[in-house]
N, C-alpha and C. Protein backbone atom coordinates (compact mmCIF):
# COMPACT_ATOMS: atom_id res chain seq x y z
N UNK A 1 0.83 -1.17 0.00
CA UNK A 1 0.00 0.00 0.00
C UNK A 1 0.88 1.24 0.00
N UNK A 2 0.59 2.13 -0.88
CA UNK A 2 1.39 3.35 -0.94
C UNK A 2 0.89 4.35 0.07
N UNK A 3 1.76 5.27 0.37
CA UNK A 3 1.44 6.29 1.36
C UNK A 3 0.24 7.15 0.93
N UNK A 4 0.17 7.52 -0.34
CA UNK A 4 -0.93 8.36 -0.81
C UNK A 4 -2.26 7.63 -0.75
N UNK A 5 -2.23 6.33 -0.92
CA UNK A 5 -3.47 5.55 -0.86
C UNK A 5 -4.02 5.53 0.57
N UNK A 6 -3.14 5.48 1.56
CA UNK A 6 -3.57 5.52 2.96
C UNK A 6 -4.21 6.87 3.28
N UNK A 7 -3.57 7.94 2.82
CA UNK A 7 -4.13 9.27 3.06
C UNK A 7 -5.47 9.44 2.36
N UNK A 8 -5.59 8.86 1.17
CA UNK A 8 -6.83 8.95 0.43
C UNK A 8 -7.98 8.28 1.20
N UNK A 9 -7.70 7.11 1.77
CA UNK A 9 -8.75 6.44 2.55
C UNK A 9 -9.12 7.24 3.78
N UNK A 10 -8.13 7.82 4.42
CA UNK A 10 -8.40 8.65 5.60
C UNK A 10 -9.22 9.88 5.26
N UNK A 11 -8.92 10.47 4.11
CA UNK A 11 -9.68 11.64 3.68
C UNK A 11 -11.13 11.26 3.37
N UNK A 12 -11.33 10.12 2.74
CA UNK A 12 -12.69 9.70 2.44
C UNK A 12 -13.46 9.36 3.70
N UNK A 13 -12.77 8.77 4.67
CA UNK A 13 -13.42 8.47 5.94
C UNK A 13 -13.82 9.75 6.65
N UNK A 14 -12.95 10.73 6.66
CA UNK A 14 -13.27 12.02 7.29
C UNK A 14 -14.44 12.68 6.57
N UNK A 15 -14.45 12.62 5.25
CA UNK A 15 -15.54 13.21 4.48
C UNK A 15 -16.87 12.53 4.79
N UNK A 16 -16.83 11.21 4.93
CA UNK A 16 -18.07 10.49 5.25
C UNK A 16 -18.57 10.82 6.65
N UNK A 17 -17.66 10.97 7.58
CA UNK A 17 -18.06 11.33 8.95
C UNK A 17 -18.68 12.72 8.97
N UNK A 18 -18.06 13.66 8.27
CA UNK A 18 -18.58 15.02 8.21
C UNK A 18 -19.96 15.04 7.55
N UNK A 19 -20.11 14.31 6.46
CA UNK A 19 -21.41 14.24 5.79
C UNK A 19 -22.46 13.59 6.70
N UNK A 20 -22.06 12.58 7.43
CA UNK A 20 -22.98 11.92 8.36
C UNK A 20 -23.44 12.83 9.48
N UNK A 21 -22.53 13.64 9.98
CA UNK A 21 -22.90 14.59 11.03
C UNK A 21 -23.90 15.61 10.49
N UNK A 22 -23.66 16.11 9.30
CA UNK A 22 -24.60 17.04 8.68
C UNK A 22 -25.97 16.42 8.45
N UNK A 23 -25.97 15.17 8.02
CA UNK A 23 -27.25 14.46 7.80
C UNK A 23 -27.98 14.25 9.12
N UNK A 24 -27.23 13.94 10.18
CA UNK A 24 -27.84 13.77 11.49
C UNK A 24 -28.47 15.07 11.98
N UNK A 25 -27.75 16.18 11.83
CA UNK A 25 -28.29 17.48 12.23
C UNK A 25 -29.55 17.82 11.44
N UNK A 26 -29.53 17.58 10.14
CA UNK A 26 -30.70 17.86 9.31
C UNK A 26 -31.86 16.94 9.68
N UNK A 27 -31.56 15.69 10.04
CA UNK A 27 -32.59 14.75 10.44
C UNK A 27 -33.26 15.20 11.74
N UNK A 28 -32.49 15.71 12.68
CA UNK A 28 -33.06 16.21 13.93
C UNK A 28 -33.99 17.37 13.64
N UNK A 29 -33.57 18.27 12.76
CA UNK A 29 -34.43 19.40 12.38
C UNK A 29 -35.71 18.90 11.72
N UNK A 30 -35.59 17.90 10.86
CA UNK A 30 -36.77 17.37 10.17
C UNK A 30 -37.73 16.70 11.14
N UNK A 31 -37.21 15.97 12.11
CA UNK A 31 -38.07 15.35 13.12
C UNK A 31 -38.84 16.43 13.88
N UNK A 32 -38.14 17.49 14.26
CA UNK A 32 -38.80 18.58 14.99
C UNK A 32 -39.90 19.22 14.14
N UNK A 33 -39.61 19.45 12.87
CA UNK A 33 -40.61 20.05 11.98
C UNK A 33 -41.85 19.16 11.90
N UNK A 34 -41.64 17.88 11.68
CA UNK A 34 -42.77 16.94 11.56
C UNK A 34 -43.58 16.90 12.85
N UNK A 35 -42.89 16.88 13.98
CA UNK A 35 -43.61 16.82 15.26
C UNK A 35 -44.45 18.07 15.49
N UNK A 36 -43.92 19.22 15.13
CA UNK A 36 -44.68 20.47 15.29
C UNK A 36 -45.86 20.50 14.32
N UNK A 37 -45.63 20.13 13.07
CA UNK A 37 -46.70 20.17 12.08
C UNK A 37 -47.81 19.18 12.37
N UNK A 38 -47.46 18.06 12.98
CA UNK A 38 -48.49 17.06 13.31
C UNK A 38 -49.13 17.31 14.67
N UNK A 39 -48.68 18.35 15.37
CA UNK A 39 -49.29 18.72 16.64
C UNK A 39 -48.92 17.81 17.79
N UNK A 40 -47.67 17.46 17.89
CA UNK A 40 -47.22 16.59 18.99
C UNK A 40 -47.42 17.28 20.33
N UNK A 41 -47.61 16.49 21.36
CA UNK A 41 -47.80 16.99 22.73
C UNK A 41 -46.49 17.63 23.20
N UNK A 42 -46.52 18.94 23.41
CA UNK A 42 -45.30 19.66 23.77
C UNK A 42 -44.85 19.37 25.19
N UNK A 43 -45.70 18.78 26.00
CA UNK A 43 -45.33 18.42 27.36
C UNK A 43 -44.64 17.06 27.43
N UNK A 44 -44.62 16.34 26.30
CA UNK A 44 -44.00 15.02 26.24
C UNK A 44 -42.48 15.15 26.35
N UNK A 45 -41.86 14.20 27.04
CA UNK A 45 -40.41 14.23 27.26
C UNK A 45 -39.64 14.07 25.95
N UNK A 46 -40.12 13.21 25.04
CA UNK A 46 -39.42 13.03 23.77
C UNK A 46 -39.46 14.30 22.94
N UNK A 47 -40.62 14.96 22.92
CA UNK A 47 -40.72 16.22 22.19
C UNK A 47 -39.77 17.25 22.80
N UNK A 48 -39.71 17.32 24.10
CA UNK A 48 -38.79 18.25 24.76
C UNK A 48 -37.34 17.95 24.43
N UNK A 49 -37.00 16.66 24.35
CA UNK A 49 -35.64 16.26 24.01
C UNK A 49 -35.29 16.69 22.59
N UNK A 50 -36.19 16.43 21.65
CA UNK A 50 -35.95 16.81 20.25
C UNK A 50 -35.87 18.33 20.13
N UNK A 51 -36.74 19.04 20.82
CA UNK A 51 -36.70 20.50 20.78
C UNK A 51 -35.39 21.02 21.35
N UNK A 52 -34.90 20.38 22.43
CA UNK A 52 -33.64 20.83 23.04
C UNK A 52 -32.45 20.59 22.11
N UNK A 53 -32.57 19.65 21.20
CA UNK A 53 -31.52 19.44 20.20
C UNK A 53 -31.70 20.35 18.99
N UNK A 54 -32.95 20.52 18.55
CA UNK A 54 -33.23 21.26 17.31
C UNK A 54 -33.01 22.76 17.45
N UNK A 55 -33.36 23.33 18.60
CA UNK A 55 -33.25 24.78 18.73
C UNK A 55 -31.81 25.29 18.62
N UNK A 56 -30.83 24.69 19.31
CA UNK A 56 -29.46 25.19 19.11
C UNK A 56 -28.91 24.91 17.71
N UNK A 57 -29.35 23.82 17.09
CA UNK A 57 -28.88 23.50 15.75
C UNK A 57 -29.46 24.43 14.69
N UNK A 58 -30.55 25.10 15.02
CA UNK A 58 -31.18 26.01 14.07
C UNK A 58 -30.40 27.32 13.92
N UNK A 59 -29.44 27.53 14.81
CA UNK A 59 -28.55 28.69 14.78
C UNK A 59 -29.34 29.99 14.74
N UNK A 60 -29.16 30.78 13.70
CA UNK A 60 -29.80 32.10 13.60
C UNK A 60 -31.06 32.08 12.76
N UNK A 61 -31.51 30.92 12.31
CA UNK A 61 -32.65 30.85 11.40
C UNK A 61 -34.00 31.14 12.04
N UNK A 62 -34.29 30.67 13.27
CA UNK A 62 -35.61 31.02 13.85
C UNK A 62 -35.76 32.53 13.99
N UNK A 63 -36.84 33.04 13.45
CA UNK A 63 -37.10 34.47 13.50
C UNK A 63 -36.48 35.24 12.35
N UNK A 64 -35.79 34.57 11.45
CA UNK A 64 -35.15 35.24 10.32
C UNK A 64 -36.21 35.84 9.40
N UNK A 65 -37.26 35.09 9.16
CA UNK A 65 -38.38 35.57 8.37
C UNK A 65 -39.61 35.65 9.26
N UNK A 66 -40.15 36.86 9.47
CA UNK A 66 -41.35 36.97 10.30
C UNK A 66 -42.58 36.47 9.53
N UNK A 67 -43.09 35.34 9.96
CA UNK A 67 -44.25 34.72 9.32
C UNK A 67 -45.35 34.61 10.37
N UNK A 68 -46.54 35.01 10.00
CA UNK A 68 -47.66 35.02 10.94
C UNK A 68 -48.13 33.65 11.37
N UNK A 69 -48.10 32.68 10.48
CA UNK A 69 -48.55 31.33 10.78
C UNK A 69 -47.41 30.59 11.50
N UNK A 70 -47.62 30.19 12.77
CA UNK A 70 -46.53 29.56 13.52
C UNK A 70 -46.03 28.25 12.92
N UNK A 71 -46.92 27.45 12.34
CA UNK A 71 -46.49 26.18 11.74
C UNK A 71 -45.66 26.43 10.49
N UNK A 72 -46.06 27.40 9.69
CA UNK A 72 -45.29 27.74 8.50
C UNK A 72 -43.94 28.34 8.89
N UNK A 73 -43.92 29.10 9.98
CA UNK A 73 -42.66 29.68 10.47
C UNK A 73 -41.68 28.58 10.88
N UNK A 74 -42.17 27.57 11.57
CA UNK A 74 -41.30 26.44 11.96
C UNK A 74 -40.81 25.71 10.72
N UNK A 75 -41.70 25.49 9.76
CA UNK A 75 -41.31 24.80 8.53
C UNK A 75 -40.22 25.56 7.79
N UNK A 76 -40.40 26.85 7.62
CA UNK A 76 -39.43 27.65 6.87
C UNK A 76 -38.12 27.79 7.64
N UNK A 77 -38.20 28.22 8.89
CA UNK A 77 -36.99 28.51 9.65
C UNK A 77 -36.16 27.27 9.96
N UNK A 78 -36.78 26.23 10.44
CA UNK A 78 -36.04 25.01 10.77
C UNK A 78 -35.70 24.21 9.50
N UNK A 79 -36.52 24.35 8.47
CA UNK A 79 -36.20 23.73 7.19
C UNK A 79 -34.96 24.36 6.56
N UNK A 80 -34.85 25.68 6.67
CA UNK A 80 -33.64 26.35 6.18
C UNK A 80 -32.42 25.90 6.96
N UNK A 81 -32.58 25.69 8.26
CA UNK A 81 -31.46 25.22 9.07
C UNK A 81 -31.03 23.83 8.62
N UNK A 82 -31.99 22.97 8.32
CA UNK A 82 -31.66 21.62 7.85
C UNK A 82 -30.91 21.67 6.52
N UNK A 83 -31.38 22.50 5.60
CA UNK A 83 -30.70 22.64 4.31
C UNK A 83 -29.30 23.23 4.52
N UNK A 84 -29.19 24.19 5.42
CA UNK A 84 -27.90 24.80 5.73
C UNK A 84 -26.89 23.74 6.17
N UNK A 85 -27.30 22.86 7.09
CA UNK A 85 -26.39 21.82 7.59
C UNK A 85 -25.98 20.88 6.48
N UNK A 86 -26.91 20.51 5.60
CA UNK A 86 -26.57 19.61 4.51
C UNK A 86 -25.59 20.26 3.53
N UNK A 87 -25.81 21.51 3.21
CA UNK A 87 -24.95 22.21 2.26
C UNK A 87 -23.57 22.46 2.84
N UNK A 88 -23.52 23.01 4.05
CA UNK A 88 -22.23 23.36 4.65
C UNK A 88 -21.38 22.12 4.90
N UNK A 89 -21.97 21.09 5.49
CA UNK A 89 -21.18 19.88 5.74
C UNK A 89 -20.82 19.17 4.43
N UNK A 90 -21.65 19.31 3.41
CA UNK A 90 -21.32 18.75 2.11
C UNK A 90 -20.11 19.44 1.50
N UNK A 91 -20.05 20.75 1.64
CA UNK A 91 -18.90 21.50 1.14
C UNK A 91 -17.64 21.13 1.91
N UNK A 92 -17.75 21.08 3.22
CA UNK A 92 -16.59 20.73 4.05
C UNK A 92 -16.13 19.30 3.75
N UNK A 93 -17.07 18.39 3.59
CA UNK A 93 -16.72 17.00 3.27
C UNK A 93 -16.03 16.92 1.91
N UNK A 94 -16.47 17.69 0.97
CA UNK A 94 -15.85 17.68 -0.35
C UNK A 94 -14.40 18.20 -0.27
N UNK A 95 -14.18 19.20 0.57
CA UNK A 95 -12.82 19.71 0.75
C UNK A 95 -11.94 18.65 1.39
N UNK A 96 -12.44 17.98 2.43
CA UNK A 96 -11.66 16.95 3.12
C UNK A 96 -11.49 15.70 2.25
N UNK A 97 -12.39 15.45 1.33
CA UNK A 97 -12.32 14.25 0.51
C UNK A 97 -11.28 14.30 -0.58
N UNK A 98 -10.70 15.44 -0.79
CA UNK A 98 -9.69 15.57 -1.86
C UNK A 98 -8.39 14.95 -1.48
């Protein structure tokens, strides 16, 4: 095995881990969106756990667009956060994958 081949495998592994983290973050945001849109019980412990993960991951997106409908606001703001995580981690993974 040549030295460059070892580095190549390491770079691909790092890229996959980074992509996986981005997908996980986007998945958490998507779960939160679905739970809010379907009217999940906000007093439930699982809902509270997902909300406690989704809110910090949403970064600056909640409140970015003032929308009167609360369900549409969650869909837009947290949906943008999910897309953000997929795009940013995809770019970073592509850089590390080289």
